[in-house]
Amino acid sequence: MSRGGVRPGAGRKSKAEEQELVEKLSPLEPIAFKALTEALSEGQRWAVRLYFEYMYGRPAQQVNRSEFVEQPLFGDIEIRREVVYKEI
């Protein structure tokens, strides 16, 4: 269950933290491109999909929405309640 409000560690990371991560990953860039190139030349589906999604963007996804309409369980049956009182 999600908790709202302010708490330590919540929210988006600062620009400095993002920049630090980019600097840590930058030396690995040639290795990543080489691995992607090899996977593309082998025709691996994940690599092809990744390439096209980043190169051209993901295609628009169609969302099917259907509205739920509550239906009566027994159709048009009329329910009558009769109360019987006894004299004591």
Protein backbone atom coordinates (compact mmCIF):
# COMPACT_ATOMS: atom_id res chain seq x y z
CA MET A 1 0.00 0.00 0.00
CA SER A 2 1.42 3.38 -0.93
CA ARG A 3 2.02 5.98 1.69
CA GLY A 4 1.67 9.65 0.95
CA GLY A 5 3.52 12.52 2.49
CA VAL A 6 7.09 13.57 3.00
CA ARG A 7 9.61 10.92 4.06
CA PRO A 8 13.35 10.39 3.67
CA GLY A 9 14.41 9.08 0.26
CA ALA A 10 11.09 9.94 -1.39
CA GLY A 11 10.79 11.78 -4.68
CA ARG A 12 12.94 12.18 -7.73
CA LYS A 13 16.70 11.95 -7.42
CA SER A 14 18.61 15.20 -7.69
CA LYS A 15 20.25 16.22 -10.95
CA ALA A 16 23.66 15.73 -9.29
CA GLU A 17 22.81 12.11 -8.42
CA GLU A 18 21.65 11.45 -11.97
CA GLN A 19 24.82 13.00 -13.36
CA GLU A 20 26.93 10.85 -11.02
CA LEU A 21 25.22 7.71 -12.33
CA VAL A 22 25.80 8.79 -15.94
CA GLU A 23 29.48 9.33 -15.18
CA LYS A 24 29.76 5.86 -13.62
CA LEU A 25 28.10 4.19 -16.61
CA SER A 26 29.88 6.15 -19.36
CA PRO A 27 33.00 3.91 -19.44
CA LEU A 28 30.71 0.94 -20.16
CA GLU A 29 29.12 2.57 -23.20
CA PRO A 30 31.41 0.96 -25.84
CA ILE A 31 30.84 -2.48 -24.30
CA ALA A 32 27.06 -1.99 -24.34
CA PHE A 33 27.06 -0.84 -27.97
CA LYS A 34 29.24 -3.79 -28.98
CA ALA A 35 26.88 -6.24 -27.23
CA LEU A 36 23.84 -4.64 -28.89
CA THR A 37 25.54 -4.69 -32.30
CA GLU A 38 26.39 -8.38 -31.94
CA ALA A 39 22.86 -9.24 -30.80
CA LEU A 40 21.39 -7.30 -33.75
CA SER A 41 23.66 -9.07 -36.24
CA GLU A 42 22.55 -12.42 -34.74
CA GLY A 43 18.93 -11.36 -35.19
CA GLN A 44 17.99 -11.64 -31.53
CA ARG A 45 14.45 -10.37 -31.09
CA TRP A 46 15.04 -8.43 -27.87
CA ALA A 47 17.82 -6.45 -29.54
CA VAL A 48 15.77 -5.66 -32.62
CA ARG A 49 12.83 -4.53 -30.49
CA LEU A 50 15.06 -2.44 -28.23
CA TYR A 51 16.70 -0.79 -31.24
CA PHE A 52 13.43 0.15 -32.92
CA GLU A 53 11.78 1.33 -29.70
CA TYR A 54 14.64 3.72 -28.98
CA MET A 55 15.16 4.74 -32.59
CA TYR A 56 11.54 5.35 -33.58
CA GLY A 57 9.58 5.21 -30.32
CA ARG A 58 7.05 2.67 -29.19
CA PRO A 59 3.95 2.31 -31.31
CA ALA A 60 0.75 3.69 -29.85
CA GLN A 61 -0.93 1.09 -27.71
CA GLN A 62 -4.64 0.57 -28.05
CA VAL A 63 -6.46 0.37 -24.75
CA ASN A 64 -9.74 -1.51 -24.70
CA ARG A 65 -12.15 -0.07 -22.20
CA SER A 66 -15.37 -1.77 -21.47
CA GLU A 67 -17.89 -0.45 -19.03
CA PHE A 68 -19.35 -2.81 -16.52
CA VAL A 69 -23.11 -2.59 -16.35
CA GLU A 70 -24.59 -4.35 -13.39
CA GLN A 71 -27.30 -6.78 -14.40
CA PRO A 72 -29.99 -8.11 -12.08
CA LEU A 73 -29.43 -11.73 -11.15
CA PHE A 74 -33.01 -12.93 -11.83
CA GLY A 75 -34.24 -10.58 -14.52
CA ASP A 76 -37.58 -8.85 -13.95
CA ILE A 77 -38.84 -10.94 -11.04
CA GLU A 78 -40.77 -8.92 -8.54
CA ILE A 79 -39.95 -9.73 -4.95
CA ARG A 80 -42.71 -9.32 -2.40
CA ARG A 81 -42.28 -9.48 1.29
CA GLU A 82 -45.27 -10.29 3.38
CA VAL A 83 -45.22 -9.73 7.05
CA VAL A 84 -47.55 -11.81 9.16
CA TYR A 85 -48.37 -10.65 12.66
CA LYS A 86 -49.74 -13.04 15.22
CA GLU A 87 -51.90 -11.96 18.03
CA ILE A 88 -50.83 -13.20 21.41
